[in-house]
Amino acid sequence: MTTSLPDTTAEKETAVAPPKQSESPLGQLRHRPEAGALIGTISVFVFFAIFGGEKFLAPAGAASWLNIAAELGIIAIPVGLLMIAGELDVSVGSVLAGSSMTLAIVSGHWGAPMIVGIVLALALGVLTGLLNGIIVTRTNVPSLVVTLATLSGMAGLTLGLSRVTTGTTSVPVKPDPLSKALFGQLIGGQFEVAIFWWIGLAACVAVLLQMMKYGNWIFAIGGDKESARATGIPVAKVKIALYMASGFGAALVGVIQTILYNGAQVANGQSFVFNSIIAVVIGGVLLTGGYGSVFGVVLGTLTFAIVNQGIYYTGWNSDWASLILGILILTAVLMNNTFRRLALSYTPRSAKKA
């Protein structure tokens, strides 16, 4: 028996509907949800290319912001899916730290094989996401409150167990050649292998979001979860799966950082808590849910990373970086709202004739 999707999916379909054949490429672009993010990324890149000069455009300069974008992007993509579904996850920072310390303690302090430490680190992320999802869906407590509690609880647990187990908050680890090649290699001595993990994750999630029924489910839940539930969409299961994906993304970055830097610290990852949300918002995803795209999140992540590192190549006082980022966030939100209205007001020619 085939069920129809709730009315909220119509908004998503309208937002990504094929533009009219008679429109110019620029006219087609303004109907896309990531249009504002694309303009923002190009603008900041050109700005820092001009004021940062050759150092910003050199391989070392590109590596500085691509490496940051890759690690942030691996976390931001599943966080973006959660936000499209109308939820938040601010526990990613502590999940990253907990996973990092798990790998370092198991394979570094205790000497277990790297594969054991990696699997346990990733499992910790998935289980934390499972816990978040179950609490959010069964209690209806706002996800911000639940994941804030997880953020604090996981941080305290990581710190306490690290001190009890190792007597310190920093644990070294010596990865084997295969683990180093898969997670911690610097290509050309500058570019992290995490860039390829980021690209692969973005491609897979883009297919899921735009070409599979699960993508429609995520948009429908973010638009109106009650209507989605009424049409047979397993709202709770989808949300739990998204929280598990978010935990996995944070844990994967924890594994990458631990192997890359040959060790872990309990304070790792806290910058990702709000940076991931900032990147997603810059990428055009609404905090209220029901709207966004993977490409937009990728662009938002690139924009954040370029601004974050570009300021250091201009020769300006880096104290202004936060101000520039704040202005960028506000501008991005205003621009994304404008393009969202254009996208949702667009009606294909065939619909007009009908």
C-alpha atoms as a PDB file:
ATOM      1  CA  MET A   1       0.000   0.000   0.000  1.00  0.00           C
ATOM      2  CA  THR A   2       1.458   3.334  -1.023  1.00  0.00           C
ATOM      3  CA  THR A   3       1.110   6.263   1.344  1.00  0.00           C
ATOM      4  CA  SER A   4       1.302   9.888   0.357  1.00  0.00           C
ATOM      5  CA  LEU A   5       3.783  12.224   1.959  1.00  0.00           C
ATOM      6  CA  PRO A   6       2.543  15.094   4.096  1.00  0.00           C
ATOM      7  CA  ASP A   7       2.002  18.509   2.653  1.00  0.00           C
ATOM      8  CA  THR A   8       5.355  19.702   3.955  1.00  0.00           C
ATOM      9  CA  THR A   9       7.207  17.679   1.315  1.00  0.00           C
ATOM     10  CA  ALA A  10       5.559  19.834  -1.296  1.00  0.00           C
ATOM     11  CA  GLU A  11       7.602  22.712   0.045  1.00  0.00           C
ATOM     12  CA  LYS A  12      10.783  20.700  -0.409  1.00  0.00           C
ATOM     13  CA  GLU A  13       9.789  19.625  -3.911  1.00  0.00           C
ATOM     14  CA  THR A  14       8.970  23.181  -4.820  1.00  0.00           C
ATOM     15  CA  ALA A  15      12.305  24.370  -3.495  1.00  0.00           C
ATOM     16  CA  VAL A  16      14.254  21.955  -5.679  1.00  0.00           C
ATOM     17  CA  ALA A  17      11.898  21.752  -8.657  1.00  0.00           C
ATOM     18  CA  PRO A  18      13.587  21.957 -12.070  1.00  0.00           C
ATOM     19  CA  PRO A  19      13.666  25.573 -13.230  1.00  0.00           C
ATOM     20  CA  LYS A  20      12.036  26.760 -16.403  1.00  0.00           C
ATOM     21  CA  GLN A  21      13.906  25.947 -19.605  1.00  0.00           C
ATOM     22  CA  SER A  22      13.752  29.558 -20.729  1.00  0.00           C
ATOM     23  CA  GLU A  23      15.577  30.858 -17.657  1.00  0.00           C
ATOM     24  CA  SER A  24      19.239  31.785 -17.716  1.00  0.00           C
ATOM     25  CA  PRO A  25      21.674  29.838 -15.503  1.00  0.00           C
ATOM     26  CA  LEU A  26      21.655  32.727 -13.017  1.00  0.00           C
ATOM     27  CA  GLY A  27      17.875  32.686 -13.003  1.00  0.00           C
ATOM     28  CA  GLN A  28      17.906  28.963 -12.313  1.00  0.00           C
ATOM     29  CA  LEU A  29      20.417  29.384  -9.501  1.00  0.00           C
ATOM     30  CA  ARG A  30      18.249  31.739  -7.480  1.00  0.00           C
ATOM     31  CA  HIS A  31      15.633  29.003  -7.069  1.00  0.00           C
ATOM     32  CA  ARG A  32      18.088  26.658  -5.346  1.00  0.00           C
ATOM     33  CA  PRO A  33      18.206  26.440  -1.519  1.00  0.00           C
ATOM     34  CA  GLU A  34      22.008  26.750  -1.519  1.00  0.00           C
ATOM     35  CA  ALA A  35      22.113  29.850  -3.749  1.00  0.00           C
ATOM     36  CA  GLY A  36      22.906  32.226  -0.896  1.00  0.00           C
ATOM     37  CA  ALA A  37      25.613  29.917   0.457  1.00  0.00           C
ATOM     38  CA  LEU A  38      27.279  29.717  -2.968  1.00  0.00           C
ATOM     39  CA  ILE A  39      27.380  33.480  -3.304  1.00  0.00           C
ATOM     40  CA  GLY A  40      28.779  33.752   0.231  1.00  0.00           C
ATOM     41  CA  THR A  41      31.531  31.212  -0.419  1.00  0.00           C
ATOM     42  CA  ILE A  42      32.610  32.866  -3.651  1.00  0.00           C
ATOM     43  CA  SER A  43      32.552  36.299  -2.030  1.00  0.00           C
ATOM     44  CA  VAL A  44      34.733  35.409   0.952  1.00  0.00           C
ATOM     45  CA  PHE A  45      37.147  33.456  -1.235  1.00  0.00           C
ATOM     46  CA  VAL A  46      37.607  36.395  -3.604  1.00  0.00           C
ATOM     47  CA  PHE A  47      37.906  38.787  -0.655  1.00  0.00           C
ATOM     48  CA  PHE A  48      40.705  36.841   1.032  1.00  0.00           C
ATOM     49  CA  ALA A  49      42.350  36.011  -2.285  1.00  0.00           C
ATOM     50  CA  ILE A  50      42.703  39.763  -2.843  1.00  0.00           C
ATOM     51  CA  PHE A  51      43.764  40.767   0.651  1.00  0.00           C
ATOM     52  CA  GLY A  52      45.594  37.553   1.545  1.00  0.00           C
ATOM     53  CA  GLY A  53      47.551  37.404  -1.687  1.00  0.00           C
ATOM     54  CA  GLU A  54      49.739  34.554  -2.822  1.00  0.00           C
ATOM     55  CA  LYS A  55      50.116  33.018   0.628  1.00  0.00           C
ATOM     56  CA  PHE A  56      46.360  32.428   0.867  1.00  0.00           C
ATOM     57  CA  LEU A  57      46.227  30.883  -2.613  1.00  0.00           C
ATOM     58  CA  ALA A  58      49.388  28.782  -2.191  1.00  0.00           C
ATOM     59  CA  PRO A  59      49.029  25.041  -1.448  1.00  0.00           C
ATOM     60  CA  ALA A  60      49.903  25.617   2.210  1.00  0.00           C
ATOM     61  CA  GLY A  61      47.244  28.315   2.456  1.00  0.00           C
ATOM     62  CA  ALA A  62      44.609  26.177   0.770  1.00  0.00           C
ATOM     63  CA  ALA A  63      45.504  23.253   3.033  1.00  0.00           C
ATOM     64  CA  SER A  64      44.994  25.388   6.141  1.00  0.00           C
ATOM     65  CA  TRP A  65      41.323  26.034   5.412  1.00  0.00           C
ATOM     66  CA  LEU A  66      40.553  22.788   3.568  1.00  0.00           C
ATOM     67  CA  ASN A  67      41.785  20.737   6.534  1.00  0.00           C
ATOM     68  CA  ILE A  68      39.557  22.696   8.906  1.00  0.00           C
ATOM     69  CA  ALA A  69      36.627  22.434   6.495  1.00  0.00           C
ATOM     70  CA  ALA A  70      37.066  18.666   6.186  1.00  0.00           C
ATOM     71  CA  GLU A  71      37.004  17.950   9.923  1.00  0.00           C
ATOM     72  CA  LEU A  72      34.187  20.408  10.549  1.00  0.00           C
ATOM     73  CA  GLY A  73      32.280  19.174   7.502  1.00  0.00           C
ATOM     74  CA  ILE A  74      32.274  15.545   8.636  1.00  0.00           C
ATOM     75  CA  ILE A  75      30.409  16.690  11.739  1.00  0.00           C
ATOM     76  CA  ALA A  76      28.336  19.431  10.104  1.00  0.00           C
ATOM     77  CA  ILE A  77      26.712  17.174   7.478  1.00  0.00           C
ATOM     78  CA  PRO A  78      24.903  14.841   9.948  1.00  0.00           C
ATOM     79  CA  VAL A  79      24.180  17.832  12.204  1.00  0.00           C
ATOM     80  CA  GLY A  80      22.650  19.505   9.145  1.00  0.00           C
ATOM     81  CA  LEU A  81      20.407  16.490   8.542  1.00  0.00           C
ATOM     82  CA  LEU A  82      19.226  16.708  12.143  1.00  0.00           C
ATOM     83  CA  MET A  83      18.469  20.414  11.726  1.00  0.00           C
ATOM     84  CA  ILE A  84      16.537  19.733   8.527  1.00  0.00           C
ATOM     85  CA  ALA A  85      14.510  17.262  10.609  1.00  0.00           C
ATOM     86  CA  GLY A  86      13.895  20.020  13.150  1.00  0.00           C
ATOM     87  CA  GLU A  87      16.328  18.905  15.864  1.00  0.00           C
ATOM     88  CA  LEU A  88      19.695  20.006  17.294  1.00  0.00           C
ATOM     89  CA  ASP A  89      22.759  18.191  18.580  1.00  0.00           C
ATOM     90  CA  VAL A  90      25.262  20.193  20.633  1.00  0.00           C
ATOM     91  CA  SER A  91      26.851  17.126  22.230  1.00  0.00           C
ATOM     92  CA  VAL A  92      29.261  16.566  19.332  1.00  0.00           C
ATOM     93  CA  GLY A  93      32.166  18.283  21.098  1.00  0.00           C
ATOM     94  CA  SER A  94      32.149  15.930  24.057  1.00  0.00           C
ATOM     95  CA  VAL A  95      31.491  12.917  21.840  1.00  0.00           C
ATOM     96  CA  LEU A  96      34.599  13.817  19.849  1.00  0.00           C
ATOM     97  CA  ALA A  97      36.673  14.129  23.021  1.00  0.00           C
ATOM     98  CA  GLY A  98      35.283  10.917  24.504  1.00  0.00           C
ATOM     99  CA  SER A  99      35.964   8.970  21.309  1.00  0.00           C
ATOM    100  CA  SER A 100      39.474  10.400  21.058  1.00  0.00           C
ATOM    101  CA  MET A 101      40.303   9.391  24.610  1.00  0.00           C
ATOM    102  CA  THR A 102      38.734   5.963  24.115  1.00  0.00           C
ATOM    103  CA  LEU A 103      41.022   5.248  21.178  1.00  0.00           C
ATOM    104  CA  ALA A 104      44.085   6.673  22.960  1.00  0.00           C
ATOM    105  CA  ILE A 105      43.478   4.746  26.191  1.00  0.00           C
ATOM    106  CA  VAL A 106      42.547   1.437  24.556  1.00  0.00           C
ATOM    107  CA  SER A 107      45.259   1.374  21.893  1.00  0.00           C
ATOM    108  CA  GLY A 108      47.797   3.722  23.444  1.00  0.00           C
ATOM    109  CA  HIS A 109      47.685   3.219  27.200  1.00  0.00           C
ATOM    110  CA  TRP A 110      46.526  -0.408  27.234  1.00  0.00           C
ATOM    111  CA  GLY A 111      48.293  -1.411  24.015  1.00  0.00           C
ATOM    112  CA  ALA A 112      45.351  -3.084  22.258  1.00  0.00           C
ATOM    113  CA  PRO A 113      45.378  -3.297  18.424  1.00  0.00           C
ATOM    114  CA  MET A 114      44.405  -0.070  16.687  1.00  0.00           C
ATOM    115  CA  ILE A 115      41.358  -1.664  15.081  1.00  0.00           C
ATOM    116  CA  VAL A 116      39.957  -2.425  18.542  1.00  0.00           C
ATOM    117  CA  GLY A 117      40.413   1.153  19.719  1.00  0.00           C
ATOM    118  CA  ILE A 118      38.909   2.566  16.509  1.00  0.00           C
ATOM    119  CA  VAL A 119      35.842   0.323  16.680  1.00  0.00           C
ATOM    120  CA  LEU A 120      35.242   1.152  20.345  1.00  0.00           C
ATOM    121  CA  ALA A 121      35.686   4.875  19.684  1.00  0.00           C
ATOM    122  CA  LEU A 122      33.164   4.822  16.830  1.00  0.00           C
ATOM    123  CA  ALA A 123      30.801   2.649  18.891  1.00  0.00           C
ATOM    124  CA  LEU A 124      30.888   5.224  21.685  1.00  0.00           C
ATOM    125  CA  GLY A 125      29.738   7.909  19.249  1.00  0.00           C
ATOM    126  CA  VAL A 126      26.929   5.755  17.857  1.00  0.00           C
ATOM    127  CA  LEU A 127      25.726   4.714  21.335  1.00  0.00           C
ATOM    128  CA  THR A 128      25.738   8.326  22.532  1.00  0.00           C
ATOM    129  CA  GLY A 129      23.654   9.284  19.517  1.00  0.00           C
ATOM    130  CA  LEU A 130      21.303   6.396  20.244  1.00  0.00           C
ATOM    131  CA  LEU A 131      20.877   7.628  23.814  1.00  0.00           C
ATOM    132  CA  ASN A 132      20.204  11.180  22.639  1.00  0.00           C
ATOM    133  CA  GLY A 133      17.661   9.988  20.099  1.00  0.00           C
ATOM    134  CA  ILE A 134      15.778   7.767  22.537  1.00  0.00           C
ATOM    135  CA  ILE A 135      15.538  10.501  25.165  1.00  0.00           C
ATOM    136  CA  VAL A 136      14.414  13.144  22.664  1.00  0.00           C
ATOM    137  CA  THR A 137      11.773  10.972  21.002  1.00  0.00           C
ATOM    138  CA  ARG A 138      10.348   9.380  24.155  1.00  0.00           C
ATOM    139  CA  THR A 139      10.301  12.365  26.499  1.00  0.00           C
ATOM    140  CA  ASN A 140       9.648  15.225  24.058  1.00  0.00           C
ATOM    141  CA  VAL A 141      12.187  17.284  25.991  1.00  0.00           C
ATOM    142  CA  PRO A 142      13.706  19.854  23.569  1.00  0.00           C
ATOM    143  CA  SER A 143      16.726  18.419  21.824  1.00  0.00           C
ATOM    144  CA  LEU A 144      18.837  21.420  22.797  1.00  0.00           C
ATOM    145  CA  VAL A 145      18.299  20.620  26.486  1.00  0.00           C
ATOM    146  CA  VAL A 146      18.926  16.893  26.052  1.00  0.00           C
ATOM    147  CA  THR A 147      22.127  17.287  24.058  1.00  0.00           C
ATOM    148  CA  LEU A 148      23.395  20.048  26.351  1.00  0.00           C
ATOM    149  CA  ALA A 149      23.030  17.577  29.215  1.00  0.00           C
ATOM    150  CA  THR A 150      24.883  14.962  27.162  1.00  0.00           C
ATOM    151  CA  LEU A 151      27.587  17.504  26.341  1.00  0.00           C
ATOM    152  CA  SER A 152      28.188  18.186  30.016  1.00  0.00           C
ATOM    153  CA  GLY A 153      27.789  14.603  31.183  1.00  0.00           C
ATOM    154  CA  MET A 154      30.091  13.152  28.542  1.00  0.00           C
ATOM    155  CA  ALA A 155      32.735  15.798  29.265  1.00  0.00           C
ATOM    156  CA  GLY A 156      32.695  14.970  32.962  1.00  0.00           C
ATOM    157  CA  LEU A 157      32.724  11.228  32.315  1.00  0.00           C
ATOM    158  CA  THR A 158      35.651  11.527  29.914  1.00  0.00           C
ATOM    159  CA  LEU A 159      37.659  13.640  32.338  1.00  0.00           C
ATOM    160  CA  GLY A 160      36.926  11.437  35.359  1.00  0.00           C
ATOM    161  CA  LEU A 161      37.617   8.100  33.663  1.00  0.00           C
ATOM    162  CA  SER A 162      40.768   9.440  32.018  1.00  0.00           C
ATOM    163  CA  ARG A 163      42.223  10.501  35.354  1.00  0.00           C
ATOM    164  CA  VAL A 164      41.225   7.233  37.048  1.00  0.00           C
ATOM    165  CA  THR A 165      42.536   5.088  34.212  1.00  0.00           C
ATOM    166  CA  THR A 166      45.722   6.898  33.201  1.00  0.00           C
ATOM    167  CA  GLY A 167      46.285   9.539  35.860  1.00  0.00           C
ATOM    168  CA  THR A 168      46.440  12.223  33.197  1.00  0.00           C
ATOM    169  CA  THR A 169      44.249  14.123  30.726  1.00  0.00           C
ATOM    170  CA  SER A 170      46.544  13.628  27.747  1.00  0.00           C
ATOM    171  CA  VAL A 171      47.325  10.176  26.353  1.00  0.00           C
ATOM    172  CA  PRO A 172      49.764   9.413  23.482  1.00  0.00           C
ATOM    173  CA  VAL A 173      49.218   6.684  20.931  1.00  0.00           C
ATOM    174  CA  LYS A 174      51.409   5.194  18.210  1.00  0.00           C
ATOM    175  CA  PRO A 175      49.177   4.226  15.244  1.00  0.00           C
ATOM    176  CA  ASP A 176      50.108   1.415  12.889  1.00  0.00           C
ATOM    177  CA  PRO A 177      50.892   2.239   9.218  1.00  0.00           C
ATOM    178  CA  LEU A 178      47.455   1.201   7.921  1.00  0.00           C
ATOM    179  CA  SER A 179      45.565   3.321  10.460  1.00  0.00           C
ATOM    180  CA  LYS A 180      47.863   6.240   9.738  1.00  0.00           C
ATOM    181  CA  ALA A 181      47.257   5.915   6.005  1.00  0.00           C
ATOM    182  CA  LEU A 182      43.467   5.691   6.371  1.00  0.00           C
ATOM    183  CA  PHE A 183      42.899   8.367   8.989  1.00  0.00           C
ATOM    184  CA  GLY A 184      46.005  10.432   9.738  1.00  0.00           C
ATOM    185  CA  GLN A 185      48.013  10.811   6.569  1.00  0.00           C
ATOM    186  CA  LEU A 186      49.045  14.207   5.238  1.00  0.00           C
ATOM    187  CA  ILE A 187      48.922  14.096   1.454  1.00  0.00           C
ATOM    188  CA  GLY A 188      51.822  16.062   0.039  1.00  0.00           C
ATOM    189  CA  GLY A 189      52.773  16.800   3.613  1.00  0.00           C
ATOM    190  CA  GLN A 190      49.922  19.340   3.894  1.00  0.00           C
ATOM    191  CA  PHE A 191      46.444  18.038   3.007  1.00  0.00           C
ATOM    192  CA  GLU A 192      44.706  15.770   5.507  1.00  0.00           C
ATOM    193  CA  VAL A 193      43.218  12.509   4.248  1.00  0.00           C
ATOM    194  CA  ALA A 194      40.077  13.657   6.105  1.00  0.00           C
ATOM    195  CA  ILE A 195      39.305  15.735   3.003  1.00  0.00           C
ATOM    196  CA  PHE A 196      38.477  12.529   1.130  1.00  0.00           C
ATOM    197  CA  TRP A 197      36.347  11.251   4.015  1.00  0.00           C
ATOM    198  CA  TRP A 198      34.440  14.542   3.877  1.00  0.00           C
ATOM    199  CA  ILE A 199      33.898  14.383   0.106  1.00  0.00           C
ATOM    200  CA  GLY A 200      32.760  10.755   0.267  1.00  0.00           C
ATOM    201  CA  LEU A 201      30.367  11.446   3.138  1.00  0.00           C
ATOM    202  CA  ALA A 202      28.899  14.468   1.361  1.00  0.00           C
ATOM    203  CA  ALA A 203      28.306  12.466  -1.825  1.00  0.00           C
ATOM    204  CA  CYS A 204      26.614   9.587   0.019  1.00  0.00           C
ATOM    205  CA  VAL A 205      24.371  11.846   2.092  1.00  0.00           C
ATOM    206  CA  ALA A 206      23.436  13.926  -0.969  1.00  0.00           C
ATOM    207  CA  VAL A 207      22.203  10.771  -2.700  1.00  0.00           C
ATOM    208  CA  LEU A 208      20.237   9.756   0.400  1.00  0.00           C
ATOM    209  CA  LEU A 209      18.666  13.187   0.813  1.00  0.00           C
ATOM    210  CA  GLN A 210      17.688  13.839  -2.796  1.00  0.00           C
ATOM    211  CA  MET A 211      17.226  10.427  -4.431  1.00  0.00           C
ATOM    212  CA  MET A 212      15.866   8.140  -1.707  1.00  0.00           C
ATOM    213  CA  LYS A 213      12.644   8.019   0.264  1.00  0.00           C
ATOM    214  CA  TYR A 214      14.560   8.642   3.485  1.00  0.00           C
ATOM    215  CA  GLY A 215      15.390  12.119   2.236  1.00  0.00           C
ATOM    216  CA  ASN A 216      11.687  12.859   1.788  1.00  0.00           C
ATOM    217  CA  TRP A 217      11.060  11.527   5.269  1.00  0.00           C
ATOM    218  CA  ILE A 218      13.665  13.872   6.782  1.00  0.00           C
ATOM    219  CA  PHE A 219      12.193  16.926   5.039  1.00  0.00           C
ATOM    220  CA  ALA A 220       8.666  15.874   5.956  1.00  0.00           C
ATOM    221  CA  ILE A 221       9.541  15.440   9.636  1.00  0.00           C
ATOM    222  CA  GLY A 222      11.200  18.849   9.708  1.00  0.00           C
ATOM    223  CA  GLY A 223       8.197  20.461   8.052  1.00  0.00           C
ATOM    224  CA  ASP A 224       5.496  18.914  10.265  1.00  0.00           C
ATOM    225  CA  LYS A 225       6.283  15.810  12.279  1.00  0.00           C
ATOM    226  CA  GLU A 226       2.643  15.160  13.166  1.00  0.00           C
ATOM    227  CA  SER A 227       1.596  15.108   9.523  1.00  0.00           C
ATOM    228  CA  ALA A 228       4.595  12.929   8.754  1.00  0.00           C
ATOM    229  CA  ARG A 229       3.612  10.486  11.500  1.00  0.00           C
ATOM    230  CA  ALA A 230       0.017  10.412  10.235  1.00  0.00           C
ATOM    231  CA  THR A 231       1.195   9.255   6.805  1.00  0.00           C
ATOM    232  CA  GLY A 232       3.133   6.342   8.253  1.00  0.00           C
ATOM    233  CA  ILE A 233       6.628   7.801   8.395  1.00  0.00           C
ATOM    234  CA  PRO A 234       8.539   6.279  11.376  1.00  0.00           C
ATOM    235  CA  VAL A 235       9.377   9.651  12.908  1.00  0.00           C
ATOM    236  CA  ALA A 236      11.037   8.325  16.068  1.00  0.00           C
ATOM    237  CA  LYS A 237      13.199   5.794  14.201  1.00  0.00           C
ATOM    238  CA  VAL A 238      14.342   8.394  11.674  1.00  0.00           C
ATOM    239  CA  LYS A 239      15.309  10.845  14.405  1.00  0.00           C
ATOM    240  CA  ILE A 240      17.166   8.192  16.378  1.00  0.00           C
ATOM    241  CA  ALA A 241      19.050   7.176  13.236  1.00  0.00           C
ATOM    242  CA  LEU A 242      20.000  10.804  12.591  1.00  0.00           C
ATOM    243  CA  TYR A 243      21.306  11.219  16.142  1.00  0.00           C
ATOM    244  CA  MET A 244      23.352   8.051  15.724  1.00  0.00           C
ATOM    245  CA  ALA A 245      24.770   9.455  12.483  1.00  0.00           C
ATOM    246  CA  SER A 246      25.665  12.681  14.271  1.00  0.00           C
ATOM    247  CA  GLY A 247      27.448  10.747  17.003  1.00  0.00           C
ATOM    248  CA  PHE A 248      29.279   8.657  14.409  1.00  0.00           C
ATOM    249  CA  GLY A 249      30.466  11.785  12.577  1.00  0.00           C
ATOM    250  CA  ALA A 250      31.837  13.312  15.769  1.00  0.00           C
ATOM    251  CA  ALA A 251      33.519  10.040  16.723  1.00  0.00           C
ATOM    252  CA  LEU A 252      35.074   9.701  13.265  1.00  0.00           C
ATOM    253  CA  VAL A 253      36.662  13.133  13.588  1.00  0.00           C
ATOM    254  CA  GLY A 254      37.883  12.107  17.038  1.00  0.00           C
ATOM    255  CA  VAL A 255      39.568   9.056  15.503  1.00  0.00           C
ATOM    256  CA  ILE A 256      41.076  11.153  12.712  1.00  0.00           C
ATOM    257  CA  GLN A 257      42.496  13.740  15.107  1.00  0.00           C
ATOM    258  CA  THR A 258      43.891  11.135  17.502  1.00  0.00           C
ATOM    259  CA  ILE A 259      45.734   9.277  14.753  1.00  0.00           C
ATOM    260  CA  LEU A 260      46.826  12.473  13.004  1.00  0.00           C
ATOM    261  CA  TYR A 261      48.315  14.023  16.156  1.00  0.00           C
ATOM    262  CA  ASN A 262      49.412  10.727  17.764  1.00  0.00           C
ATOM    263  CA  GLY A 263      47.444  11.344  20.926  1.00  0.00           C
ATOM    264  CA  ALA A 264      44.305  12.738  22.539  1.00  0.00           C
ATOM    265  CA  GLN A 265      43.291  15.238  25.202  1.00  0.00           C
ATOM    266  CA  VAL A 266      40.063  15.512  27.161  1.00  0.00           C
ATOM    267  CA  ALA A 267      39.613  19.131  26.042  1.00  0.00           C
ATOM    268  CA  ASN A 268      39.482  18.213  22.341  1.00  0.00           C
ATOM    269  CA  GLY A 269      36.464  19.076  20.236  1.00  0.00           C
ATOM    270  CA  GLN A 270      34.685  21.816  22.167  1.00  0.00           C
ATOM    271  CA  SER A 271      35.027  24.283  19.285  1.00  0.00           C
ATOM    272  CA  PHE A 272      32.907  21.973  17.129  1.00  0.00           C
ATOM    273  CA  VAL A 273      29.853  22.407  19.349  1.00  0.00           C
ATOM    274  CA  PHE A 274      28.663  25.663  17.819  1.00  0.00           C
ATOM    275  CA  ASN A 275      30.972  25.850  14.803  1.00  0.00           C
ATOM    276  CA  SER A 276      29.079  22.942  13.246  1.00  0.00           C
ATOM    277  CA  ILE A 277      25.757  24.726  13.741  1.00  0.00           C
ATOM    278  CA  ILE A 278      27.221  27.981  12.398  1.00  0.00           C
ATOM    279  CA  ALA A 279      28.440  26.207   9.253  1.00  0.00           C
ATOM    280  CA  VAL A 280      25.039  24.589   8.730  1.00  0.00           C
ATOM    281  CA  VAL A 281      23.185  27.899   9.159  1.00  0.00           C
ATOM    282  CA  ILE A 282      25.567  29.663   6.761  1.00  0.00           C
ATOM    283  CA  GLY A 283      24.811  26.812   4.348  1.00  0.00           C
ATOM    284  CA  GLY A 284      21.124  27.731   4.253  1.00  0.00           C
ATOM    285  CA  VAL A 285      19.558  25.174   6.614  1.00  0.00           C
ATOM    286  CA  LEU A 286      16.743  26.596   8.713  1.00  0.00           C
ATOM    287  CA  LEU A 287      16.882  26.243  12.485  1.00  0.00           C
ATOM    288  CA  THR A 288      13.158  25.501  12.349  1.00  0.00           C
ATOM    289  CA  GLY A 289      13.713  22.532  10.021  1.00  0.00           C
ATOM    290  CA  GLY A 290      12.233  21.372   6.736  1.00  0.00           C
ATOM    291  CA  TYR A 291      14.645  23.181   4.419  1.00  0.00           C
ATOM    292  CA  GLY A 292      18.273  22.819   3.293  1.00  0.00           C
ATOM    293  CA  SER A 293      20.696  20.775   1.202  1.00  0.00           C
ATOM    294  CA  VAL A 294      23.965  18.887   1.583  1.00  0.00           C
ATOM    295  CA  PHE A 295      25.650  21.094  -1.012  1.00  0.00           C
ATOM    296  CA  GLY A 296      24.638  24.119   1.008  1.00  0.00           C
ATOM    297  CA  VAL A 297      26.154  22.634   4.178  1.00  0.00           C
ATOM    298  CA  VAL A 298      29.397  21.928   2.296  1.00  0.00           C
ATOM    299  CA  LEU A 299      29.483  25.525   1.081  1.00  0.00           C
ATOM    300  CA  GLY A 300      28.719  26.830   4.561  1.00  0.00           C
ATOM    301  CA  THR A 301      31.572  24.765   5.962  1.00  0.00           C
ATOM    302  CA  LEU A 302      33.966  26.080   3.316  1.00  0.00           C
ATOM    303  CA  THR A 303      32.872  29.659   4.003  1.00  0.00           C
ATOM    304  CA  PHE A 304      33.437  29.262   7.734  1.00  0.00           C
ATOM    305  CA  ALA A 305      36.871  27.693   7.230  1.00  0.00           C
ATOM    306  CA  ILE A 306      37.992  30.350   4.739  1.00  0.00           C
ATOM    307  CA  VAL A 307      37.025  33.168   7.094  1.00  0.00           C
ATOM    308  CA  ASN A 308      38.507  31.349  10.082  1.00  0.00           C
ATOM    309  CA  GLN A 309      41.927  30.985   8.420  1.00  0.00           C
ATOM    310  CA  GLY A 310      41.874  33.758   5.828  1.00  0.00           C
ATOM    311  CA  ILE A 311      42.196  36.520   8.398  1.00  0.00           C
ATOM    312  CA  TYR A 312      45.699  35.307   9.276  1.00  0.00           C
ATOM    313  CA  TYR A 313      46.897  35.788   5.682  1.00  0.00           C
ATOM    314  CA  THR A 314      45.773  39.403   5.455  1.00  0.00           C
ATOM    315  CA  GLY A 315      48.209  40.685   8.054  1.00  0.00           C
ATOM    316  CA  TRP A 316      45.324  42.177  10.029  1.00  0.00           C
ATOM    317  CA  ASN A 317      44.863  41.755  13.753  1.00  0.00           C
ATOM    318  CA  SER A 318      43.344  38.297  14.247  1.00  0.00           C
ATOM    319  CA  ASP A 319      41.236  39.705  17.087  1.00  0.00           C
ATOM    320  CA  TRP A 320      38.831  40.899  14.385  1.00  0.00           C
ATOM    321  CA  ALA A 321      38.167  37.356  13.168  1.00  0.00           C
ATOM    322  CA  SER A 322      35.203  36.830  15.515  1.00  0.00           C
ATOM    323  CA  LEU A 323      33.647  40.126  14.445  1.00  0.00           C
ATOM    324  CA  ILE A 324      33.972  39.217  10.772  1.00  0.00           C
ATOM    325  CA  LEU A 325      32.490  35.792  11.453  1.00  0.00           C
ATOM    326  CA  GLY A 326      29.570  37.329  13.350  1.00  0.00           C
ATOM    327  CA  ILE A 327      28.816  39.708  10.488  1.00  0.00           C
ATOM    328  CA  LEU A 328      29.083  36.801   8.065  1.00  0.00           C
ATOM    329  CA  ILE A 329      26.572  34.707  10.027  1.00  0.00           C
ATOM    330  CA  LEU A 330      24.009  37.510  10.133  1.00  0.00           C
ATOM    331  CA  THR A 331      24.512  38.306   6.451  1.00  0.00           C
ATOM    332  CA  ALA A 332      24.233  34.642   5.518  1.00  0.00           C
ATOM    333  CA  VAL A 333      20.964  34.210   7.408  1.00  0.00           C
ATOM    334  CA  LEU A 334      19.443  37.300   5.791  1.00  0.00           C
ATOM    335  CA  MET A 335      20.637  36.228   2.345  1.00  0.00           C
ATOM    336  CA  ASN A 336      19.436  32.663   2.803  1.00  0.00           C
ATOM    337  CA  ASN A 337      15.989  33.893   3.882  1.00  0.00           C
ATOM    338  CA  THR A 338      15.787  35.968   0.698  1.00  0.00           C
ATOM    339  CA  PHE A 339      16.736  33.083  -1.561  1.00  0.00           C
ATOM    340  CA  ARG A 340      14.429  30.745   0.349  1.00  0.00           C
ATOM    341  CA  ARG A 341      11.475  33.027  -0.395  1.00  0.00           C
ATOM    342  CA  LEU A 342      12.462  33.097  -4.059  1.00  0.00           C
ATOM    343  CA  ALA A 343      12.749  29.314  -4.140  1.00  0.00           C
ATOM    344  CA  LEU A 344       9.430  28.663  -2.435  1.00  0.00           C
ATOM    345  CA  SER A 345       7.601  31.233  -4.566  1.00  0.00           C
ATOM    346  CA  TYR A 346       8.835  29.622  -7.771  1.00  0.00           C
ATOM    347  CA  THR A 347       6.223  27.763  -9.831  1.00  0.00           C
ATOM    348  CA  PRO A 348       7.315  25.642 -12.809  1.00  0.00           C
ATOM    349  CA  ARG A 349       5.818  26.510 -16.166  1.00  0.00           C
ATOM    350  CA  SER A 350       3.933  23.203 -16.334  1.00  0.00           C
ATOM    351  CA  ALA A 351       2.232  23.994 -13.020  1.00  0.00           C
ATOM    352  CA  LYS A 352       1.213  27.425 -14.261  1.00  0.00           C
ATOM    353  CA  LYS A 353      -0.390  25.965 -17.397  1.00  0.00           C
ATOM    354  CA  ALA A 354      -2.260  23.402 -15.317  1.00  0.00           C
END
